[in-house]
């Protein structure tokens, strides 16, 4: 029981870490694109 729950927690940590990296990457892309559009708008 304990080993199984530990595996689940570790799996959840890996998934959440991947999601954090993915979201930050998307956020950076959006900021870069927005910056380019604003520069072009000036």
PDB file of N, CA and C in Angstrom:
ATOM      1  N   UNK A   1       0.846  -1.202   0.000  1.00  0.00           N
ATOM      2  CA  UNK A   1       0.000   0.000   0.000  1.00  0.00           C
ATOM      3  C   UNK A   1       0.882   1.254   0.000  1.00  0.00           C
ATOM      4  N   UNK A   2       1.832   1.279   0.914  1.00  0.00           N
ATOM      5  CA  UNK A   2       2.683   2.468   1.008  1.00  0.00           C
ATOM      6  C   UNK A   2       3.523   2.644  -0.245  1.00  0.00           C
ATOM      7  N   UNK A   3       4.107   1.545  -0.744  1.00  0.00           N
ATOM      8  CA  UNK A   3       4.929   1.621  -1.946  1.00  0.00           C
ATOM      9  C   UNK A   3       4.101   2.107  -3.137  1.00  0.00           C
ATOM     10  N   UNK A   4       2.874   1.580  -3.225  1.00  0.00           N
ATOM     11  CA  UNK A   4       2.006   1.948  -4.341  1.00  0.00           C
ATOM     12  C   UNK A   4       1.674   3.442  -4.295  1.00  0.00           C
ATOM     13  N   UNK A   5       1.338   3.960  -3.129  1.00  0.00           N
ATOM     14  CA  UNK A   5       0.992   5.380  -3.017  1.00  0.00           C
ATOM     15  C   UNK A   5       2.226   6.245  -3.289  1.00  0.00           C
ATOM     16  N   UNK A   6       3.407   5.755  -2.888  1.00  0.00           N
ATOM     17  CA  UNK A   6       4.635   6.499  -3.144  1.00  0.00           C
ATOM     18  C   UNK A   6       4.886   6.599  -4.644  1.00  0.00           C
ATOM     19  N   UNK A   7       4.664   5.494  -5.345  1.00  0.00           N
ATOM     20  CA  UNK A   7       4.817   5.501  -6.811  1.00  0.00           C
ATOM     21  C   UNK A   7       3.857   6.502  -7.439  1.00  0.00           C
ATOM     22  N   UNK A   8       2.633   6.537  -6.922  1.00  0.00           N
ATOM     23  CA  UNK A   8       1.619   7.452  -7.450  1.00  0.00           C
ATOM     24  C   UNK A   8       2.037   8.903  -7.234  1.00  0.00           C
ATOM     25  N   UNK A   9       2.544   9.203  -6.042  1.00  0.00           N
ATOM     26  CA  UNK A   9       2.982  10.565  -5.720  1.00  0.00           C
ATOM     27  C   UNK A   9       4.157  10.967  -6.613  1.00  0.00           C
ATOM     28  N   UNK A  10       5.078  10.029  -6.823  1.00  0.00           N
ATOM     29  CA  UNK A  10       6.234  10.323  -7.669  1.00  0.00           C
ATOM     30  C   UNK A  10       5.792  10.567  -9.109  1.00  0.00           C
ATOM     31  N   UNK A  11       4.838   9.762  -9.569  1.00  0.00           N
ATOM     32  CA  UNK A  11       4.301   9.932 -10.924  1.00  0.00           C
ATOM     33  C   UNK A  11       3.615  11.289 -11.053  1.00  0.00           C
ATOM     34  N   UNK A  12       2.842  11.647 -10.040  1.00  0.00           N
ATOM     35  CA  UNK A  12       2.138  12.922 -10.049  1.00  0.00           C
ATOM     36  C   UNK A  12       3.136  14.080 -10.072  1.00  0.00           C
ATOM     37  N   UNK A  13       4.225  13.949  -9.316  1.00  0.00           N
ATOM     38  CA  UNK A  13       5.253  14.990  -9.295  1.00  0.00           C
ATOM     39  C   UNK A  13       5.895  15.167 -10.655  1.00  0.00           C
ATOM     40  N   UNK A  14       6.164  14.044 -11.327  1.00  0.00           N
ATOM     41  CA  UNK A  14       6.782  14.102 -12.650  1.00  0.00           C
ATOM     42  C   UNK A  14       5.841  14.787 -13.643  1.00  0.00           C
ATOM     43  N   UNK A  15       4.565  14.427 -13.574  1.00  0.00           N
ATOM     44  CA  UNK A  15       3.576  15.015 -14.481  1.00  0.00           C
ATOM     45  C   UNK A  15       3.439  16.515 -14.225  1.00  0.00           C
ATOM     46  N   UNK A  16       3.332  16.909 -12.963  1.00  0.00           N
ATOM     47  CA  UNK A  16       3.167  18.329 -12.647  1.00  0.00           C
ATOM     48  C   UNK A  16       4.410  19.119 -13.060  1.00  0.00           C
ATOM     49  N   UNK A  17       5.586  18.504 -12.916  1.00  0.00           N
ATOM     50  CA  UNK A  17       6.824  19.169 -13.340  1.00  0.00           C
ATOM     51  C   UNK A  17       6.820  19.388 -14.841  1.00  0.00           C
ATOM     52  N   UNK A  18       6.381  18.375 -15.595  1.00  0.00           N
ATOM     53  CA  UNK A  18       6.312  18.478 -17.052  1.00  0.00           C
ATOM     54  C   UNK A  18       5.314  19.562 -17.460  1.00  0.00           C
ATOM     55  N   UNK A  19       4.178  19.602 -16.759  1.00  0.00           N
ATOM     56  CA  UNK A  19       3.151  20.602 -17.060  1.00  0.00           C
ATOM     57  C   UNK A  19       3.695  22.006 -16.802  1.00  0.00           C
ATOM     58  N   UNK A  20       4.432  22.181 -15.712  1.00  0.00           N
ATOM     59  CA  UNK A  20       5.001  23.491 -15.380  1.00  0.00           C
ATOM     60  C   UNK A  20       5.943  23.959 -16.494  1.00  0.00           C
ATOM     61  N   UNK A  21       6.812  23.061 -16.948  1.00  0.00           N
ATOM     62  CA  UNK A  21       7.755  23.403 -18.016  1.00  0.00           C
ATOM     63  C   UNK A  21       7.004  23.744 -19.297  1.00  0.00           C
ATOM     64  N   UNK A  22       5.997  22.934 -19.611  1.00  0.00           N
ATOM     65  CA  UNK A  22       5.218  23.138 -20.832  1.00  0.00           C
ATOM     66  C   UNK A  22       4.501  24.485 -20.802  1.00  0.00           C
ATOM     67  N   UNK A  23       3.856  24.796 -19.672  1.00  0.00           N
ATOM     68  CA  UNK A  23       3.104  26.042 -19.537  1.00  0.00           C
ATOM     69  C   UNK A  23       4.040  27.247 -19.615  1.00  0.00           C
ATOM     70  N   UNK A  24       5.200  27.166 -18.958  1.00  0.00           N
ATOM     71  CA  UNK A  24       6.139  28.290 -18.992  1.00  0.00           C
ATOM     72  C   UNK A  24       6.672  28.500 -20.404  1.00  0.00           C
ATOM     73  N   UNK A  25       6.866  27.406 -21.148  1.00  0.00           N
ATOM     74  CA  UNK A  25       7.333  27.513 -22.531  1.00  0.00           C
ATOM     75  C   UNK A  25       6.278  28.210 -23.398  1.00  0.00           C
ATOM     76  N   UNK A  26       5.018  27.786 -23.256  1.00  0.00           N
ATOM     77  CA  UNK A  26       3.915  28.400 -24.004  1.00  0.00           C
ATOM     78  C   UNK A  26       3.795  29.879 -23.630  1.00  0.00           C
ATOM     79  N   UNK A  27       3.911  30.181 -22.341  1.00  0.00           N
ATOM     80  CA  UNK A  27       3.793  31.552 -21.861  1.00  0.00           C
ATOM     81  C   UNK A  27       4.878  32.427 -22.472  1.00  0.00           C
ATOM     82  N   UNK A  28       6.116  31.887 -22.550  1.00  0.00           N
ATOM     83  CA  UNK A  28       7.234  32.632 -23.123  1.00  0.00           C
ATOM     84  C   UNK A  28       6.987  32.893 -24.610  1.00  0.00           C
ATOM     85  N   UNK A  29       6.455  31.876 -25.309  1.00  0.00           N
ATOM     86  CA  UNK A  29       6.149  32.032 -26.742  1.00  0.00           C
ATOM     87  C   UNK A  29       5.103  33.122 -26.944  1.00  0.00           C
ATOM     88  N   UNK A  30       4.077  33.109 -26.097  1.00  0.00           N
ATOM     89  CA  UNK A  30       3.009  34.109 -26.208  1.00  0.00           C
ATOM     90  C   UNK A  30       3.561  35.505 -25.944  1.00  0.00           C
ATOM     91  N   UNK A  31       4.396  35.649 -24.922  1.00  0.00           N
ATOM     92  CA  UNK A  31       4.974  36.956 -24.613  1.00  0.00           C
ATOM     93  C   UNK A  31       5.837  37.454 -25.757  1.00  0.00           C
ATOM     94  N   UNK A  32       6.634  36.555 -26.349  1.00  0.00           N
ATOM     95  CA  UNK A  32       7.498  36.943 -27.468  1.00  0.00           C
ATOM     96  C   UNK A  32       6.660  37.399 -28.655  1.00  0.00           C
ATOM     97  N   UNK A  33       5.622  36.641 -28.956  1.00  0.00           N
ATOM     98  CA  UNK A  33       4.750  36.991 -30.083  1.00  0.00           C
ATOM     99  C   UNK A  33       4.049  38.314 -29.820  1.00  0.00           C
ATOM    100  N   UNK A  34       3.557  38.502 -28.608  1.00  0.00           N
ATOM    101  CA  UNK A  34       2.877  39.744 -28.253  1.00  0.00           C
ATOM    102  C   UNK A  34       3.827  40.926 -28.374  1.00  0.00           C
ATOM    103  N   UNK A  35       5.071  40.734 -27.930  1.00  0.00           N
ATOM    104  CA  UNK A  35       6.078  41.795 -28.027  1.00  0.00           C
ATOM    105  C   UNK A  35       6.336  42.183 -29.472  1.00  0.00           C
ATOM    106  N   UNK A  36       6.445  41.193 -30.351  1.00  0.00           N
ATOM    107  CA  UNK A  36       6.676  41.462 -31.778  1.00  0.00           C
ATOM    108  C   UNK A  36       5.510  42.235 -32.383  1.00  0.00           C
ATOM    109  N   UNK A  37       4.291  41.813 -32.033  1.00  0.00           N
ATOM    110  CA  UNK A  37       3.096  42.482 -32.564  1.00  0.00           C
ATOM    111  C   UNK A  37       3.038  43.921 -32.078  1.00  0.00           C
ATOM    112  N   UNK A  38       3.353  44.146 -30.800  1.00  0.00           N
ATOM    113  CA  UNK A  38       3.318  45.505 -30.258  1.00  0.00           C
ATOM    114  C   UNK A  38       4.383  46.368 -30.916  1.00  0.00           C
ATOM    115  N   UNK A  39       5.575  45.797 -31.148  1.00  0.00           N
ATOM    116  CA  UNK A  39       6.643  46.547 -31.808  1.00  0.00           C
ATOM    117  C   UNK A  39       6.216  46.933 -33.218  1.00  0.00           C
ATOM    118  N   UNK A  40       5.544  46.022 -33.906  1.00  0.00           N
ATOM    119  CA  UNK A  40       5.092  46.282 -35.270  1.00  0.00           C
ATOM    120  C   UNK A  40       3.973  47.339 -35.256  1.00  0.00           C
ATOM    121  N   UNK A  41       3.163  47.319 -34.180  1.00  0.00           N
ATOM    122  CA  UNK A  41       2.045  48.251 -34.084  1.00  0.00           C
ATOM    123  C   UNK A  41       2.494  49.696 -33.897  1.00  0.00           C
ATOM    124  N   UNK A  42       3.701  49.893 -33.314  1.00  0.00           N
ATOM    125  CA  UNK A  42       4.184  51.261 -33.079  1.00  0.00           C
ATOM    126  C   UNK A  42       4.442  51.926 -34.379  1.00  0.00           C
TER     127      UNK A  42
END
